[in-house]
Every structure is written in structure tokens, then in C-alpha cells.
């Protein structure tokens, strides 16, 4: 499948439908609140937040929400990520599962500290 090319995060969000858009906007707001100085940008075709380096990426996939906080962001929260499908730098949250907004905020705070900005 060819993914559409979006020039900014608002355009990306406008392509999402209904509840999925609301969930992704919730993730966006959570990250923005945890990292108010970070800039939004598109990177690798996904929304991301950048503050000297990319803090986190997130994306809507067909069957899940992808959260990409780098490998360190996943490993640092391994205990709290039990029950989620994770790999080296990826957290997959099925659409029918409750989104752990507090966990996402904590991961962003960790990434800020890791980058020396938090």
C-alpha cells in the first residue's frame, strides 16, 4: 500500500476518520502538554515532536496506533508496557484498547530528560 504524503500534521490528522482522529488528536495533545517547547513536524511520513532531536513519532495504522519513542523509550518503560505489542522502538496499541495517555506523557518526559531538555 502506498501511504499518502502529508506536508504537515494538521493535514495528516484531517485524513483520519471519526473516533480514530479523536484518539490521535488526544495523543497529539498529550505529547504537546508533556513537551510544550517541542515543535511538531512530519518525519518518515508520521507526525512527530522535535526538540533538538525527535522526541517521539506516532501514527495511525490499520489495526493499531503506533507510538515510536526510540529504543530507549521502550526499554525504560518495559514494566509498564506489559500487555502491549512492543519491539525495539515501537509500541502498538490496538484501536479497541484504551490509550494509556499518562504512559505516553511519562515516556515523553523521559525522552526530554534523556535529551537534556527536561
Foldseek 3Di string as FASTA:
>chain_A
DDDDADFFDVRQLVPDDDPVSVVVVLLVVLLCVLPVPWDWGADPRFIFTDDPHTQWTWDDDPFWIKIFRAQVLCVVCVVVLPPFDDDRGITTGGPVDDDPSVSSSVSSNVSCVVVVND
